Amino acid sequence: MTHSTGDPTEVVDVEPILRRIGLIEDHESVAMGLRAMLADEVDLDLVAIAATVDELLALGPELDLVVLDLRLGDASSPRSNVERLHAIGAQVLVYTGAENPFLVRSAARAGVLGVVRKSEPAAAIVSAIRRAAAGGQVVTTDWAAAIDGDPQLPDVGLSPRQREVLALYASGEKAGRVARLAGLSEQTVNDYLIRIRNKYADAGRPAPTKTDLYKRAVEDGWLPMPEVPPSS
């Protein structure tokens, strides 16, 4: 990149700002494709690739942007993944196939910068990453549809510990098993469940049964959207 100093005979080179990019994607071919797309971009450096958020965090890189696949093999929730990445100071761009819009809404509620489909032309994907890496919103049709379709369910304000208990219990674990997994007493788990139900009831989203708690956890992004069986 160049600019003029005022002297019409002199042009000075200006180095572009280098943005450090991480990718969370559990399909090797997709990861290889994105690496190839960014290989010749002097301002975008793909410094870390991992299959899960846990793997990326273990690498410990300093990142400007994480490109995040929504449906990962570890069944982690998009909202939780985004929050964990924000905690290390990284912005997040969703990189997705033909996902259910619910997953995009879940990520949107956690504050991602936008969404880009894996099927987009390479130039469009690179442009979206460049914009997001600089902190800009990436507005696409998928993104707008997900935001417009968001029912804006009221946030019930669960603490991190309450979210952990909800996710474990609503996914099918019994209270005793939740207690062992979370390092709590069974009575404490039961107390948490009472408080969680009260918070949902106060928000106008009652959850008297375990099935209702599962629905609320999915709605709020604490559990992933269930897989839809393929039609025969």
Protein backbone atom coordinates (compact mmCIF):
# COMPACT_ATOMS: atom_id res chain seq x y z
CA MET A 1 0.00 0.00 0.00
CA THR A 2 1.30 3.47 -0.85
CA HIS A 3 0.53 7.11 -0.16
CA SER A 4 1.86 10.48 -1.29
CA THR A 5 3.83 12.80 0.99
CA GLY A 6 2.84 15.90 -0.98
CA ASP A 7 5.85 15.70 -3.26
CA PRO A 8 4.45 14.49 -6.61
CA THR A 9 7.71 12.69 -7.32
CA GLU A 10 7.77 10.68 -4.09
CA VAL A 11 5.63 7.70 -3.08
CA VAL A 12 6.08 6.08 0.34
CA ASP A 13 5.19 2.49 1.11
CA VAL A 14 2.78 1.99 4.02
CA GLU A 15 2.67 -1.41 5.68
CA PRO A 16 -0.89 -2.79 6.10
CA ILE A 17 -2.01 -3.61 9.62
CA LEU A 18 -1.54 -7.34 10.18
CA ARG A 19 -4.57 -9.06 11.72
CA ARG A 20 -4.10 -12.37 13.51
CA ILE A 21 -6.82 -14.91 12.69
CA GLY A 22 -7.86 -18.14 14.40
CA LEU A 23 -10.15 -20.80 12.93
CA ILE A 24 -12.31 -23.27 14.85
CA GLU A 25 -13.42 -25.91 12.38
CA ASP A 26 -13.52 -29.70 12.77
CA HIS A 27 -13.52 -30.57 9.06
CA GLU A 28 -9.97 -30.76 7.77
CA SER A 29 -10.90 -30.03 4.16
CA VAL A 30 -12.71 -26.82 5.14
CA ALA A 31 -9.77 -25.70 7.27
CA MET A 32 -7.38 -26.38 4.40
CA GLY A 33 -9.61 -24.38 2.06
CA LEU A 34 -9.63 -21.33 4.31
CA ARG A 35 -5.88 -21.53 4.81
CA ALA A 36 -5.46 -21.49 1.02
CA MET A 37 -7.79 -18.49 0.70
CA LEU A 38 -5.74 -16.46 3.17
CA ALA A 39 -2.30 -17.63 2.11
CA ASP A 40 -1.60 -14.65 -0.14
CA GLU A 41 -3.29 -11.98 1.99
CA VAL A 42 -0.53 -9.81 3.44
CA ASP A 43 -2.81 -8.31 6.12
CA LEU A 44 -4.45 -11.55 7.33
CA ASP A 45 -2.37 -14.18 9.12
CA LEU A 46 -4.08 -17.48 9.97
CA VAL A 47 -2.03 -18.34 13.04
CA ALA A 48 -4.14 -21.04 14.71
CA ILE A 49 -6.54 -23.80 13.61
CA ALA A 50 -8.39 -25.99 16.11
CA ALA A 51 -11.36 -28.36 16.14
CA THR A 52 -12.87 -26.94 19.35
CA VAL A 53 -12.73 -23.85 21.52
CA ASP A 54 -10.88 -25.85 24.17
CA GLU A 55 -8.16 -26.75 21.66
CA LEU A 56 -7.78 -23.17 20.49
CA LEU A 57 -7.58 -21.80 24.03
CA ALA A 58 -4.92 -24.40 24.86
CA LEU A 59 -2.79 -23.00 22.03
CA GLY A 60 -2.88 -19.60 23.73
CA PRO A 61 -2.53 -17.35 20.69
CA GLU A 62 -3.29 -13.63 20.71
CA LEU A 63 -5.99 -13.16 18.09
CA ASP A 64 -7.87 -10.28 16.52
CA LEU A 65 -10.59 -12.53 15.13
CA VAL A 66 -11.80 -16.10 15.45
CA VAL A 67 -13.67 -17.62 12.52
CA LEU A 68 -16.09 -20.05 14.18
CA ASP A 69 -18.03 -22.97 12.76
CA LEU A 70 -21.34 -23.23 14.61
CA ARG A 71 -21.88 -26.98 14.73
CA LEU A 72 -18.80 -28.67 16.18
CA GLY A 73 -18.15 -32.31 16.96
CA ASP A 74 -18.00 -31.71 20.71
CA ALA A 75 -21.68 -30.55 20.68
CA SER A 76 -20.73 -27.25 22.32
CA SER A 77 -23.28 -24.45 22.15
CA PRO A 78 -22.58 -21.49 19.83
CA ARG A 79 -23.42 -18.93 22.51
CA SER A 80 -21.08 -20.47 25.06
CA ASN A 81 -18.29 -20.73 22.48
CA VAL A 82 -18.64 -17.07 21.52
CA GLU A 83 -18.60 -15.94 25.14
CA ARG A 84 -15.44 -17.92 25.84
CA LEU A 85 -13.70 -16.38 22.83
CA HIS A 86 -14.78 -12.89 23.83
CA ALA A 87 -13.23 -13.57 27.23
CA ILE A 88 -9.76 -13.80 25.62
CA GLY A 89 -10.33 -10.54 23.75
CA ALA A 90 -11.10 -11.99 20.30
CA GLN A 91 -13.92 -10.90 18.03
CA VAL A 92 -15.92 -13.68 16.34
CA LEU A 93 -17.20 -14.22 12.80
CA VAL A 94 -19.53 -17.14 12.15
CA TYR A 95 -18.46 -19.39 9.25
CA THR A 96 -21.26 -21.78 8.46
CA GLY A 97 -22.88 -24.13 6.00
CA ALA A 98 -26.64 -24.42 5.67
CA GLU A 99 -27.23 -24.24 9.43
CA ASN A 100 -30.56 -23.85 11.15
CA PRO A 101 -31.12 -20.09 11.65
CA PHE A 102 -31.62 -20.82 15.34
CA LEU A 103 -27.90 -21.50 15.71
CA VAL A 104 -27.08 -18.18 14.08
CA ARG A 105 -29.53 -16.38 16.38
CA SER A 106 -27.90 -18.06 19.35
CA ALA A 107 -24.50 -16.75 18.29
CA ALA A 108 -25.98 -13.33 17.52
CA ARG A 109 -27.26 -13.04 21.08
CA ALA A 110 -23.67 -13.47 22.25
CA GLY A 111 -22.44 -10.62 20.02
CA VAL A 112 -20.67 -12.00 16.95
CA LEU A 113 -19.79 -9.56 14.17
CA GLY A 114 -21.70 -11.42 11.48
CA VAL A 115 -22.03 -14.59 9.47
CA VAL A 116 -20.58 -15.77 6.18
CA ARG A 117 -21.51 -18.98 4.39
CA LYS A 118 -18.87 -21.52 3.43
CA SER A 119 -20.47 -21.67 -0.02
CA GLU A 120 -19.69 -18.00 -0.76
CA PRO A 121 -17.00 -17.18 -3.35
CA ALA A 122 -13.50 -17.02 -1.91
CA ALA A 123 -13.25 -13.27 -2.50
CA ALA A 124 -16.43 -12.67 -0.48
CA ILE A 125 -15.18 -14.83 2.39
CA VAL A 126 -11.81 -13.07 2.50
CA SER A 127 -13.54 -9.67 2.38
CA ALA A 128 -15.82 -10.66 5.29
CA ILE A 129 -12.85 -11.84 7.37
CA ARG A 130 -10.91 -8.67 6.64
CA ARG A 131 -13.84 -6.48 7.68
CA ALA A 132 -14.53 -8.45 10.86
CA ALA A 133 -10.82 -8.56 11.80
CA ALA A 134 -10.87 -4.76 11.76
CA GLY A 135 -13.91 -4.77 14.06
CA GLY A 136 -16.56 -4.12 11.42
CA GLN A 137 -19.99 -5.74 11.18
CA VAL A 138 -20.47 -8.25 8.37
CA VAL A 139 -24.07 -7.88 7.25
CA THR A 140 -25.39 -10.57 4.91
CA THR A 141 -28.83 -11.88 3.99
CA ASP A 142 -28.40 -14.83 6.36
CA TRP A 143 -27.36 -12.51 9.15
CA ALA A 144 -30.29 -10.15 8.60
CA ALA A 145 -32.77 -13.04 8.43
CA ALA A 146 -31.46 -14.49 11.67
CA ILE A 147 -31.65 -11.16 13.48
CA ASP A 148 -35.10 -10.34 12.11
CA GLY A 149 -36.34 -13.76 13.10
CA ASP A 150 -35.01 -13.54 16.65
CA PRO A 151 -37.99 -13.56 19.02
CA GLN A 152 -35.93 -11.48 21.46
CA LEU A 153 -36.63 -13.81 24.33
CA PRO A 154 -35.93 -12.01 27.59
CA ASP A 155 -32.59 -12.87 29.17
CA VAL A 156 -33.18 -14.43 32.57
CA GLY A 157 -29.72 -13.53 33.89
CA LEU A 158 -28.35 -16.94 34.86
CA SER A 159 -24.96 -16.98 36.54
CA PRO A 160 -22.18 -19.08 34.96
CA ARG A 161 -22.67 -21.74 37.64
CA GLN A 162 -26.43 -21.81 37.06
CA ARG A 163 -25.85 -22.16 33.30
CA GLU A 164 -23.51 -25.10 33.94
CA VAL A 165 -26.08 -26.85 36.13
CA LEU A 166 -28.87 -26.13 33.63
CA ALA A 167 -26.88 -27.49 30.67
CA LEU A 168 -25.97 -30.70 32.50
CA TYR A 169 -29.41 -31.32 33.97
CA ALA A 170 -31.40 -30.35 30.87
CA SER A 171 -29.22 -32.57 28.68
CA GLY A 172 -30.49 -35.60 30.60
CA GLU A 173 -28.32 -35.99 33.71
CA LYS A 174 -29.92 -36.65 37.09
CA ALA A 175 -29.32 -34.23 39.95
CA GLY A 176 -26.89 -36.57 41.68
CA ARG A 177 -24.80 -36.97 38.54
CA VAL A 178 -24.86 -33.20 37.94
CA ALA A 179 -23.57 -32.71 41.47
CA ARG A 180 -20.62 -35.05 40.86
CA LEU A 181 -19.77 -33.50 37.49
CA ALA A 182 -20.01 -29.93 38.78
CA GLY A 183 -18.32 -30.57 42.12
CA LEU A 184 -21.40 -29.55 44.12
CA SER A 185 -23.63 -31.20 46.67
CA GLU A 186 -26.90 -32.63 45.42
CA GLN A 187 -28.81 -30.21 47.66
CA THR A 188 -26.95 -27.28 46.08
CA VAL A 189 -27.87 -28.56 42.62
CA ASN A 190 -31.52 -28.79 43.63
CA ASP A 191 -31.37 -25.26 45.05
CA TYR A 192 -29.88 -24.02 41.77
CA LEU A 193 -32.66 -25.72 39.80
CA ILE A 194 -35.30 -24.02 41.92
CA ARG A 195 -33.67 -20.63 41.35
CA ILE A 196 -33.33 -21.31 37.61
CA ARG A 197 -37.01 -22.22 37.34
CA ASN A 198 -37.96 -19.13 39.32
CA LYS A 199 -35.91 -16.90 37.02
CA TYR A 200 -37.57 -18.33 33.93
CA ALA A 201 -41.00 -17.99 35.50
CA ASP A 202 -40.31 -14.36 36.45
CA ALA A 203 -39.30 -13.69 32.80
CA GLY A 204 -42.59 -15.12 31.56
CA ARG A 205 -40.94 -18.28 30.27
CA PRO A 206 -42.01 -20.94 32.78
CA ALA A 207 -40.10 -24.23 32.89
CA PRO A 208 -41.87 -26.52 35.38
CA THR A 209 -40.64 -29.78 33.81
CA LYS A 210 -37.25 -31.10 32.76
CA THR A 211 -38.39 -31.01 29.14
CA ASP A 212 -39.26 -27.33 29.55
CA LEU A 213 -35.81 -26.65 30.99
CA TYR A 214 -34.28 -28.36 27.97
CA LYS A 215 -36.30 -26.12 25.65
CA ARG A 216 -35.21 -22.98 27.52
CA ALA A 217 -31.57 -24.07 27.45
CA VAL A 218 -31.76 -24.57 23.68
CA GLU A 219 -33.60 -21.26 23.18
CA ASP A 220 -30.89 -19.38 25.06
CA GLY A 221 -28.00 -21.17 23.39
CA TRP A 222 -26.74 -23.09 26.42
CA LEU A 223 -27.38 -26.37 24.60
CA PRO A 224 -27.00 -26.99 20.85
CA MET A 225 -29.97 -27.30 18.53
CA PRO A 226 -30.93 -31.00 18.24
CA GLU A 227 -29.98 -32.68 15.00
CA VAL A 228 -32.80 -33.03 12.50
CA PRO A 229 -32.96 -36.60 11.14
CA PRO A 230 -32.53 -36.71 7.36
CA SER A 231 -35.73 -37.33 5.44
CA SER A 232 -36.01 -40.73 3.80
